[in-house]
Amino acid sequence: MVRTYLRYFPSSAWSYPMSVGNGDDDFRLVPELLDIIPRNGRRVYNMHDVIELVFDEGSCFEVQPGFGQSLICTLARLGGHPVAVVANQPLVLAGSLDSDGADKASHFITVADSFHLPLVFLADNPGVMPGSHSEQQGILRSGARMFAAQTQARVPKLTVTIRKAYGFGSMVMGMIPFDGQSATFTFPGATMGAMGSAAMSRARGSDIEEAARLRQLEVEASYRMAQSFGQDELISPVETRNRLLRSLERALYRRQATPEPAARIAIVP
């Protein structure tokens, strides 16, 4: 039997049971995220660095890395538990959802659900890829397929909104809690909504004063959305792994029987 003991972190009011065993399967803080993720939402970073840091060391295996590169689909372990990770890649199309990425993710989510692998979404995207070329490639159909796969999944679903998530891009990444999420977290200062303040200002023809007001509302969005959308909590990036692992274990403990592979059949767009 795995023994546990309590370790208290001075920077947190939470206490975490630390597994005593082999490998990177315990609770730990990840202060390196503060250096990896830029505060400026227009600066890019490599989401692979975040995944490698948050999940168990050496456990990540990316699926179809050369296809639909704006979305990362990775098998990994979190505290020794196997999980399926879906994350936006800011280095490609700024993390926007394109048709190839959506098709890859929808298949990945369905397979993960069939084998009862909990889903972890790391959202940082400006929305769905716009433009006539994107529409000709079938982004509306592909995006709807990914949304259907995410909504129909019955496994534990954990979501972290890192910097931004706009429009339909937030919904396919599991940000809306009423889709059956086990836990929904957001970093303070994350911007969310139908569209960014700059795009809205241009669409409205706003003057300087109104544009500044829209920008201020965007900055405050994470706090308003946490309240109105029923998100569980605004969390420090430093505690990302701990909060995800605690929520994952709580969700897994609620299972009433040993899961077995199951066929998922549904009507998709």
C-alpha atoms as a PDB file:
ATOM      1  CA  MET A   1       0.000   0.000   0.000  1.00  0.00           C
ATOM      2  CA  VAL A   2       1.239   3.483  -0.821  1.00  0.00           C
ATOM      3  CA  ARG A   3       1.824   5.523   2.321  1.00  0.00           C
ATOM      4  CA  THR A   4       0.954   9.211   2.394  1.00  0.00           C
ATOM      5  CA  TYR A   5       1.901  12.154   4.522  1.00  0.00           C
ATOM      6  CA  LEU A   6       0.986  15.826   4.483  1.00  0.00           C
ATOM      7  CA  ARG A   7       3.316  18.513   3.225  1.00  0.00           C
ATOM      8  CA  TYR A   8       2.364  22.158   3.599  1.00  0.00           C
ATOM      9  CA  PHE A   9       3.522  24.807   1.189  1.00  0.00           C
ATOM     10  CA  PRO A  10       4.025  28.244   2.763  1.00  0.00           C
ATOM     11  CA  SER A  11       2.646  30.012  -0.324  1.00  0.00           C
ATOM     12  CA  SER A  12      -0.613  28.098  -0.261  1.00  0.00           C
ATOM     13  CA  ALA A  13      -3.437  27.482   2.151  1.00  0.00           C
ATOM     14  CA  TRP A  14      -3.811  23.987   0.682  1.00  0.00           C
ATOM     15  CA  SER A  15      -2.159  20.829   1.953  1.00  0.00           C
ATOM     16  CA  TYR A  16      -1.440  17.979  -0.451  1.00  0.00           C
ATOM     17  CA  PRO A  17      -0.966  14.263   0.295  1.00  0.00           C
ATOM     18  CA  MET A  18       2.459  13.363  -1.063  1.00  0.00           C
ATOM     19  CA  SER A  19       2.823   9.863  -2.497  1.00  0.00           C
ATOM     20  CA  VAL A  20       5.885   8.006  -1.282  1.00  0.00           C
ATOM     21  CA  GLY A  21       7.042   5.872  -4.198  1.00  0.00           C
ATOM     22  CA  ASN A  22       9.123   5.781  -7.338  1.00  0.00           C
ATOM     23  CA  GLY A  23       8.931   8.236 -10.206  1.00  0.00           C
ATOM     24  CA  ASP A  24       7.473  11.718 -10.645  1.00  0.00           C
ATOM     25  CA  ASP A  25       4.020  10.893  -9.319  1.00  0.00           C
ATOM     26  CA  ASP A  26       3.537  13.258  -6.394  1.00  0.00           C
ATOM     27  CA  PHE A  27       2.314  16.777  -5.763  1.00  0.00           C
ATOM     28  CA  ARG A  28       4.730  19.606  -6.484  1.00  0.00           C
ATOM     29  CA  LEU A  29       4.727  23.283  -7.347  1.00  0.00           C
ATOM     30  CA  VAL A  30       5.705  24.436 -10.839  1.00  0.00           C
ATOM     31  CA  PRO A  31       7.105  27.982 -10.478  1.00  0.00           C
ATOM     32  CA  GLU A  32       8.872  27.572 -13.844  1.00  0.00           C
ATOM     33  CA  LEU A  33       5.528  28.320 -15.535  1.00  0.00           C
ATOM     34  CA  LEU A  34       5.922  31.965 -14.558  1.00  0.00           C
ATOM     35  CA  ASP A  35       8.989  32.163 -16.813  1.00  0.00           C
ATOM     36  CA  ILE A  36       7.554  30.065 -19.653  1.00  0.00           C
ATOM     37  CA  ILE A  37       4.191  31.824 -20.126  1.00  0.00           C
ATOM     38  CA  PRO A  38       4.513  35.511 -21.147  1.00  0.00           C
ATOM     39  CA  ARG A  39       2.182  38.016 -19.532  1.00  0.00           C
ATOM     40  CA  ASN A  40       1.703  39.698 -22.905  1.00  0.00           C
ATOM     41  CA  GLY A  41      -1.021  37.729 -24.699  1.00  0.00           C
ATOM     42  CA  ARG A  42       0.486  38.575 -28.081  1.00  0.00           C
ATOM     43  CA  ARG A  43       3.807  36.890 -27.317  1.00  0.00           C
ATOM     44  CA  VAL A  44       4.097  33.214 -28.166  1.00  0.00           C
ATOM     45  CA  TYR A  45       5.539  30.322 -26.203  1.00  0.00           C
ATOM     46  CA  ASN A  46       5.840  26.576 -26.654  1.00  0.00           C
ATOM     47  CA  MET A  47       2.962  24.688 -25.039  1.00  0.00           C
ATOM     48  CA  HIS A  48       5.130  21.542 -25.027  1.00  0.00           C
ATOM     49  CA  ASP A  49       7.215  23.187 -22.294  1.00  0.00           C
ATOM     50  CA  VAL A  50       4.088  23.596 -20.171  1.00  0.00           C
ATOM     51  CA  ILE A  51       2.959  20.006 -20.729  1.00  0.00           C
ATOM     52  CA  GLU A  52       6.373  18.549 -19.925  1.00  0.00           C
ATOM     53  CA  LEU A  53       6.475  20.549 -16.703  1.00  0.00           C
ATOM     54  CA  VAL A  54       2.940  19.957 -15.422  1.00  0.00           C
ATOM     55  CA  PHE A  55       2.664  16.231 -16.131  1.00  0.00           C
ATOM     56  CA  ASP A  56       4.845  13.394 -14.869  1.00  0.00           C
ATOM     57  CA  GLU A  57       8.411  13.579 -16.117  1.00  0.00           C
ATOM     58  CA  GLY A  58       9.073  11.424 -19.170  1.00  0.00           C
ATOM     59  CA  SER A  59       5.446  10.302 -19.485  1.00  0.00           C
ATOM     60  CA  CYS A  60       4.301  12.401 -22.472  1.00  0.00           C
ATOM     61  CA  PHE A  61       3.660  10.830 -25.881  1.00  0.00           C
ATOM     62  CA  GLU A  62       2.239  13.111 -28.569  1.00  0.00           C
ATOM     63  CA  VAL A  63      -0.230  11.682 -31.096  1.00  0.00           C
ATOM     64  CA  GLN A  64       0.011  12.860 -34.749  1.00  0.00           C
ATOM     65  CA  PRO A  65       2.550  15.620 -34.040  1.00  0.00           C
ATOM     66  CA  GLY A  66       2.887  16.539 -37.727  1.00  0.00           C
ATOM     67  CA  PHE A  67      -0.847  17.037 -38.393  1.00  0.00           C
ATOM     68  CA  GLY A  68      -3.069  19.858 -37.188  1.00  0.00           C
ATOM     69  CA  GLN A  69      -0.188  21.416 -35.274  1.00  0.00           C
ATOM     70  CA  SER A  70      -2.222  24.263 -33.781  1.00  0.00           C
ATOM     71  CA  LEU A  71      -3.613  21.657 -31.368  1.00  0.00           C
ATOM     72  CA  ILE A  72      -1.494  19.248 -29.324  1.00  0.00           C
ATOM     73  CA  CYS A  73      -2.923  15.822 -28.461  1.00  0.00           C
ATOM     74  CA  THR A  74      -0.760  13.996 -25.948  1.00  0.00           C
ATOM     75  CA  LEU A  75      -1.003  10.889 -23.810  1.00  0.00           C
ATOM     76  CA  ALA A  76       0.585  11.480 -20.415  1.00  0.00           C
ATOM     77  CA  ARG A  77       0.455  10.638 -16.737  1.00  0.00           C
ATOM     78  CA  LEU A  78      -0.550  12.930 -13.914  1.00  0.00           C
ATOM     79  CA  GLY A  79       0.430  11.646 -10.500  1.00  0.00           C
ATOM     80  CA  GLY A  80       0.798   8.191 -12.036  1.00  0.00           C
ATOM     81  CA  HIS A  81      -2.713   8.293 -13.546  1.00  0.00           C
ATOM     82  CA  PRO A  82      -2.960   8.018 -17.364  1.00  0.00           C
ATOM     83  CA  VAL A  83      -4.644  11.025 -18.982  1.00  0.00           C
ATOM     84  CA  ALA A  84      -5.286  12.459 -22.441  1.00  0.00           C
ATOM     85  CA  VAL A  85      -4.179  16.079 -22.924  1.00  0.00           C
ATOM     86  CA  VAL A  86      -5.624  18.485 -25.508  1.00  0.00           C
ATOM     87  CA  ALA A  87      -3.801  21.825 -25.659  1.00  0.00           C
ATOM     88  CA  ASN A  88      -3.577  24.846 -27.946  1.00  0.00           C
ATOM     89  CA  GLN A  89      -0.151  25.538 -29.434  1.00  0.00           C
ATOM     90  CA  PRO A  90       0.509  29.319 -29.507  1.00  0.00           C
ATOM     91  CA  LEU A  91       3.508  28.780 -31.812  1.00  0.00           C
ATOM     92  CA  VAL A  92       1.184  27.701 -34.659  1.00  0.00           C
ATOM     93  CA  LEU A  93      -1.566  30.067 -35.863  1.00  0.00           C
ATOM     94  CA  ALA A  94      -1.406  31.665 -32.387  1.00  0.00           C
ATOM     95  CA  GLY A  95      -3.239  28.587 -31.131  1.00  0.00           C
ATOM     96  CA  SER A  96      -6.317  29.190 -33.299  1.00  0.00           C
ATOM     97  CA  LEU A  97      -8.568  26.221 -33.999  1.00  0.00           C
ATOM     98  CA  ASP A  98      -8.253  25.101 -37.643  1.00  0.00           C
ATOM     99  CA  SER A  99      -9.990  22.214 -39.410  1.00  0.00           C
ATOM    100  CA  ASP A 100      -7.038  19.797 -39.242  1.00  0.00           C
ATOM    101  CA  GLY A 101      -6.481  20.408 -35.541  1.00  0.00           C
ATOM    102  CA  ALA A 102     -10.185  20.035 -34.780  1.00  0.00           C
ATOM    103  CA  ASP A 103     -10.426  16.762 -36.720  1.00  0.00           C
ATOM    104  CA  LYS A 104      -7.383  15.381 -34.893  1.00  0.00           C
ATOM    105  CA  ALA A 105      -8.718  16.424 -31.501  1.00  0.00           C
ATOM    106  CA  SER A 106     -12.239  15.085 -32.057  1.00  0.00           C
ATOM    107  CA  HIS A 107     -10.888  11.609 -32.903  1.00  0.00           C
ATOM    108  CA  PHE A 108      -8.430  11.761 -30.000  1.00  0.00           C
ATOM    109  CA  ILE A 109     -11.163  12.747 -27.530  1.00  0.00           C
ATOM    110  CA  THR A 110     -13.464   9.941 -28.697  1.00  0.00           C
ATOM    111  CA  VAL A 111     -10.722   7.314 -28.366  1.00  0.00           C
ATOM    112  CA  ALA A 112      -9.772   8.635 -24.915  1.00  0.00           C
ATOM    113  CA  ASP A 113     -13.400   8.479 -23.830  1.00  0.00           C
ATOM    114  CA  SER A 114     -13.746   4.918 -25.119  1.00  0.00           C
ATOM    115  CA  PHE A 115     -10.820   3.801 -22.950  1.00  0.00           C
ATOM    116  CA  HIS A 116     -11.892   5.916 -19.952  1.00  0.00           C
ATOM    117  CA  LEU A 117      -8.856   8.201 -20.060  1.00  0.00           C
ATOM    118  CA  PRO A 118      -9.546  11.476 -18.208  1.00  0.00           C
ATOM    119  CA  LEU A 119      -9.254  14.551 -20.422  1.00  0.00           C
ATOM    120  CA  VAL A 120      -7.164  17.592 -19.523  1.00  0.00           C
ATOM    121  CA  PHE A 121      -7.665  20.725 -21.643  1.00  0.00           C
ATOM    122  CA  LEU A 122      -5.077  23.528 -21.641  1.00  0.00           C
ATOM    123  CA  ALA A 123      -6.725  26.456 -23.408  1.00  0.00           C
ATOM    124  CA  ASP A 124      -4.892  29.453 -24.863  1.00  0.00           C
ATOM    125  CA  ASN A 125      -6.454  30.458 -28.175  1.00  0.00           C
ATOM    126  CA  PRO A 126      -7.918  33.524 -29.896  1.00  0.00           C
ATOM    127  CA  GLY A 127     -10.843  31.475 -31.239  1.00  0.00           C
ATOM    128  CA  VAL A 128     -11.635  29.639 -34.445  1.00  0.00           C
ATOM    129  CA  MET A 129      -9.449  30.342 -37.479  1.00  0.00           C
ATOM    130  CA  PRO A 130     -11.314  32.981 -39.534  1.00  0.00           C
ATOM    131  CA  GLY A 131     -11.351  33.620 -43.267  1.00  0.00           C
ATOM    132  CA  SER A 132     -12.764  32.192 -46.479  1.00  0.00           C
ATOM    133  CA  HIS A 133      -9.897  29.699 -46.853  1.00  0.00           C
ATOM    134  CA  SER A 134     -10.597  28.275 -43.404  1.00  0.00           C
ATOM    135  CA  GLU A 135     -14.293  27.991 -44.218  1.00  0.00           C
ATOM    136  CA  GLN A 136     -13.528  26.211 -47.480  1.00  0.00           C
ATOM    137  CA  GLN A 137     -11.478  23.688 -45.523  1.00  0.00           C
ATOM    138  CA  GLY A 138     -14.545  22.923 -43.416  1.00  0.00           C
ATOM    139  CA  ILE A 139     -13.721  24.616 -40.104  1.00  0.00           C
ATOM    140  CA  LEU A 140     -17.401  24.911 -39.158  1.00  0.00           C
ATOM    141  CA  ARG A 141     -18.022  21.181 -39.568  1.00  0.00           C
ATOM    142  CA  SER A 142     -14.714  20.168 -37.980  1.00  0.00           C
ATOM    143  CA  GLY A 143     -15.183  22.532 -35.059  1.00  0.00           C
ATOM    144  CA  ALA A 144     -18.693  21.202 -34.489  1.00  0.00           C
ATOM    145  CA  ARG A 145     -17.327  17.654 -34.468  1.00  0.00           C
ATOM    146  CA  MET A 146     -14.778  18.530 -31.818  1.00  0.00           C
ATOM    147  CA  PHE A 147     -17.409  20.279 -29.727  1.00  0.00           C
ATOM    148  CA  ALA A 148     -19.707  17.241 -30.015  1.00  0.00           C
ATOM    149  CA  ALA A 149     -16.892  14.879 -29.004  1.00  0.00           C
ATOM    150  CA  GLN A 150     -15.978  17.041 -26.008  1.00  0.00           C
ATOM    151  CA  THR A 151     -19.596  17.430 -24.882  1.00  0.00           C
ATOM    152  CA  GLN A 152     -20.431  13.722 -25.244  1.00  0.00           C
ATOM    153  CA  ALA A 153     -17.339  12.498 -23.379  1.00  0.00           C
ATOM    154  CA  ARG A 154     -18.240  10.887 -20.047  1.00  0.00           C
ATOM    155  CA  VAL A 155     -14.759  10.692 -18.544  1.00  0.00           C
ATOM    156  CA  PRO A 156     -13.497  13.229 -15.982  1.00  0.00           C
ATOM    157  CA  LYS A 157     -12.708  16.499 -17.766  1.00  0.00           C
ATOM    158  CA  LEU A 158     -10.351  19.113 -16.332  1.00  0.00           C
ATOM    159  CA  THR A 159      -9.815  22.510 -17.957  1.00  0.00           C
ATOM    160  CA  VAL A 160      -7.283  25.282 -17.401  1.00  0.00           C
ATOM    161  CA  THR A 161      -7.613  28.576 -19.288  1.00  0.00           C
ATOM    162  CA  ILE A 162      -4.095  29.965 -19.393  1.00  0.00           C
ATOM    163  CA  ARG A 163      -4.167  33.390 -21.090  1.00  0.00           C
ATOM    164  CA  LYS A 164      -7.148  33.681 -23.411  1.00  0.00           C
ATOM    165  CA  ALA A 165     -10.082  31.808 -24.914  1.00  0.00           C
ATOM    166  CA  TYR A 166     -12.493  33.577 -27.226  1.00  0.00           C
ATOM    167  CA  GLY A 167     -15.799  32.584 -28.755  1.00  0.00           C
ATOM    168  CA  PHE A 168     -16.305  29.024 -29.952  1.00  0.00           C
ATOM    169  CA  GLY A 169     -12.631  28.336 -29.276  1.00  0.00           C
ATOM    170  CA  SER A 170     -13.359  28.370 -25.545  1.00  0.00           C
ATOM    171  CA  MET A 171     -16.286  25.963 -25.850  1.00  0.00           C
ATOM    172  CA  VAL A 172     -14.450  23.252 -27.794  1.00  0.00           C
ATOM    173  CA  MET A 173     -11.655  23.415 -25.201  1.00  0.00           C
ATOM    174  CA  GLY A 174     -14.086  22.539 -22.430  1.00  0.00           C
ATOM    175  CA  MET A 175     -14.173  25.919 -20.696  1.00  0.00           C
ATOM    176  CA  ILE A 176     -17.939  25.900 -20.109  1.00  0.00           C
ATOM    177  CA  PRO A 177     -18.577  24.047 -16.823  1.00  0.00           C
ATOM    178  CA  PHE A 178     -22.067  22.787 -17.712  1.00  0.00           C
ATOM    179  CA  ASP A 179     -20.559  20.368 -20.272  1.00  0.00           C
ATOM    180  CA  GLY A 180     -19.867  17.963 -17.407  1.00  0.00           C
ATOM    181  CA  GLN A 181     -16.401  19.114 -16.362  1.00  0.00           C
ATOM    182  CA  SER A 182     -14.991  17.766 -13.121  1.00  0.00           C
ATOM    183  CA  ALA A 183     -12.993  20.966 -12.555  1.00  0.00           C
ATOM    184  CA  THR A 184     -12.551  24.249 -14.422  1.00  0.00           C
ATOM    185  CA  PHE A 185      -9.673  26.581 -13.551  1.00  0.00           C
ATOM    186  CA  THR A 186      -8.432  29.898 -14.927  1.00  0.00           C
ATOM    187  CA  PHE A 187      -5.238  31.872 -14.451  1.00  0.00           C
ATOM    188  CA  PRO A 188      -5.777  35.408 -13.101  1.00  0.00           C
ATOM    189  CA  GLY A 189      -5.796  37.957 -15.900  1.00  0.00           C
ATOM    190  CA  ALA A 190      -6.938  35.511 -18.587  1.00  0.00           C
ATOM    191  CA  THR A 191      -9.062  37.247 -21.221  1.00  0.00           C
ATOM    192  CA  MET A 192     -12.296  35.663 -22.400  1.00  0.00           C
ATOM    193  CA  GLY A 193     -15.473  36.555 -24.233  1.00  0.00           C
ATOM    194  CA  ALA A 194     -17.002  36.612 -27.678  1.00  0.00           C
ATOM    195  CA  MET A 195     -13.972  38.433 -29.134  1.00  0.00           C
ATOM    196  CA  GLY A 196     -10.957  40.466 -28.073  1.00  0.00           C
ATOM    197  CA  SER A 197     -11.298  44.112 -27.120  1.00  0.00           C
ATOM    198  CA  ALA A 198      -9.213  45.297 -30.093  1.00  0.00           C
ATOM    199  CA  ALA A 199     -11.420  43.470 -32.613  1.00  0.00           C
ATOM    200  CA  MET A 200     -14.563  44.690 -30.873  1.00  0.00           C
ATOM    201  CA  SER A 201     -13.310  48.281 -30.902  1.00  0.00           C
ATOM    202  CA  ARG A 202     -12.709  48.096 -34.644  1.00  0.00           C
ATOM    203  CA  ALA A 203     -16.104  46.492 -35.264  1.00  0.00           C
ATOM    204  CA  ARG A 204     -17.884  49.182 -33.218  1.00  0.00           C
ATOM    205  CA  GLY A 205     -15.815  52.075 -34.495  1.00  0.00           C
ATOM    206  CA  SER A 206     -15.044  52.978 -30.876  1.00  0.00           C
ATOM    207  CA  ASP A 207     -13.376  56.214 -29.871  1.00  0.00           C
ATOM    208  CA  ILE A 208     -10.334  56.248 -27.577  1.00  0.00           C
ATOM    209  CA  GLU A 209     -12.373  56.393 -24.382  1.00  0.00           C
ATOM    210  CA  GLU A 210     -14.642  53.492 -25.307  1.00  0.00           C
ATOM    211  CA  ALA A 211     -11.684  51.417 -26.551  1.00  0.00           C
ATOM    212  CA  ALA A 212      -9.935  51.923 -23.205  1.00  0.00           C
ATOM    213  CA  ARG A 213     -13.099  50.870 -21.383  1.00  0.00           C
ATOM    214  CA  LEU A 214     -13.407  47.716 -23.499  1.00  0.00           C
ATOM    215  CA  ARG A 215      -9.779  46.897 -22.766  1.00  0.00           C
ATOM    216  CA  GLN A 216     -10.372  47.307 -19.028  1.00  0.00           C
ATOM    217  CA  LEU A 217     -13.382  44.990 -19.191  1.00  0.00           C
ATOM    218  CA  GLU A 218     -11.232  42.452 -21.031  1.00  0.00           C
ATOM    219  CA  VAL A 219      -8.586  42.582 -18.304  1.00  0.00           C
ATOM    220  CA  GLU A 220     -11.265  41.968 -15.657  1.00  0.00           C
ATOM    221  CA  ALA A 221     -12.872  39.164 -17.673  1.00  0.00           C
ATOM    222  CA  SER A 222     -11.350  36.240 -15.759  1.00  0.00           C
ATOM    223  CA  TYR A 223     -12.935  37.413 -12.491  1.00  0.00           C
ATOM    224  CA  ARG A 224     -16.365  38.058 -13.992  1.00  0.00           C
ATOM    225  CA  MET A 225     -16.359  34.802 -15.956  1.00  0.00           C
ATOM    226  CA  ALA A 226     -15.272  32.824 -12.904  1.00  0.00           C
ATOM    227  CA  GLN A 227     -18.374  34.088 -11.145  1.00  0.00           C
ATOM    228  CA  SER A 228     -20.966  34.060 -13.935  1.00  0.00           C
ATOM    229  CA  PHE A 229     -19.809  30.862 -15.707  1.00  0.00           C
ATOM    230  CA  GLY A 230     -19.425  28.930 -12.469  1.00  0.00           C
ATOM    231  CA  GLN A 231     -15.729  28.202 -12.852  1.00  0.00           C
ATOM    232  CA  ASP A 232     -14.256  26.534  -9.816  1.00  0.00           C
ATOM    233  CA  GLU A 233     -11.387  28.893  -9.093  1.00  0.00           C
ATOM    234  CA  LEU A 234      -8.777  31.337 -10.280  1.00  0.00           C
ATOM    235  CA  ILE A 235      -5.482  29.610  -9.543  1.00  0.00           C
ATOM    236  CA  SER A 236      -1.847  30.608  -9.488  1.00  0.00           C
ATOM    237  CA  PRO A 237       0.163  29.081 -12.352  1.00  0.00           C
ATOM    238  CA  VAL A 238       2.552  27.790  -9.697  1.00  0.00           C
ATOM    239  CA  GLU A 239      -0.143  25.430  -8.369  1.00  0.00           C
ATOM    240  CA  THR A 240      -1.395  24.127 -11.724  1.00  0.00           C
ATOM    241  CA  ARG A 241      -0.162  20.564 -11.287  1.00  0.00           C
ATOM    242  CA  ASN A 242      -1.368  20.309  -7.695  1.00  0.00           C
ATOM    243  CA  ARG A 243      -4.875  21.549  -8.436  1.00  0.00           C
ATOM    244  CA  LEU A 244      -5.219  19.305 -11.492  1.00  0.00           C
ATOM    245  CA  LEU A 245      -3.958  16.254  -9.619  1.00  0.00           C
ATOM    246  CA  ARG A 246      -6.176  16.850  -6.603  1.00  0.00           C
ATOM    247  CA  SER A 247      -9.234  17.294  -8.875  1.00  0.00           C
ATOM    248  CA  LEU A 248      -8.327  14.238 -10.949  1.00  0.00           C
ATOM    249  CA  GLU A 249      -8.006  11.988  -7.918  1.00  0.00           C
ATOM    250  CA  ARG A 250     -11.290  13.260  -6.521  1.00  0.00           C
ATOM    251  CA  ALA A 251     -13.025  12.493  -9.835  1.00  0.00           C
ATOM    252  CA  LEU A 252     -11.468   9.027 -10.087  1.00  0.00           C
ATOM    253  CA  TYR A 253     -12.489   8.136  -6.529  1.00  0.00           C
ATOM    254  CA  ARG A 254     -16.129   8.760  -7.485  1.00  0.00           C
ATOM    255  CA  ARG A 255     -16.098   5.852  -9.939  1.00  0.00           C
ATOM    256  CA  GLN A 256     -18.383   3.077  -8.777  1.00  0.00           C
ATOM    257  CA  ALA A 257     -16.878   0.249 -10.843  1.00  0.00           C
ATOM    258  CA  THR A 258     -13.682  -0.664 -12.674  1.00  0.00           C
ATOM    259  CA  PRO A 259     -13.911   0.962 -16.126  1.00  0.00           C
ATOM    260  CA  GLU A 260     -13.761  -1.241 -19.205  1.00  0.00           C
ATOM    261  CA  PRO A 261     -13.322  -0.194 -22.856  1.00  0.00           C
ATOM    262  CA  ALA A 262     -16.615   0.933 -24.369  1.00  0.00           C
ATOM    263  CA  ALA A 263     -17.752   1.862 -27.867  1.00  0.00           C
ATOM    264  CA  ARG A 264     -18.901   5.469 -28.152  1.00  0.00           C
ATOM    265  CA  ILE A 265     -21.549   5.895 -30.829  1.00  0.00           C
ATOM    266  CA  ALA A 266     -23.112   9.269 -31.467  1.00  0.00           C
ATOM    267  CA  ILE A 267     -24.481  11.437 -34.245  1.00  0.00           C
ATOM    268  CA  VAL A 268     -21.777  13.937 -35.236  1.00  0.00           C
ATOM    269  CA  PRO A 269     -21.815  16.801 -37.749  1.00  0.00           C
END
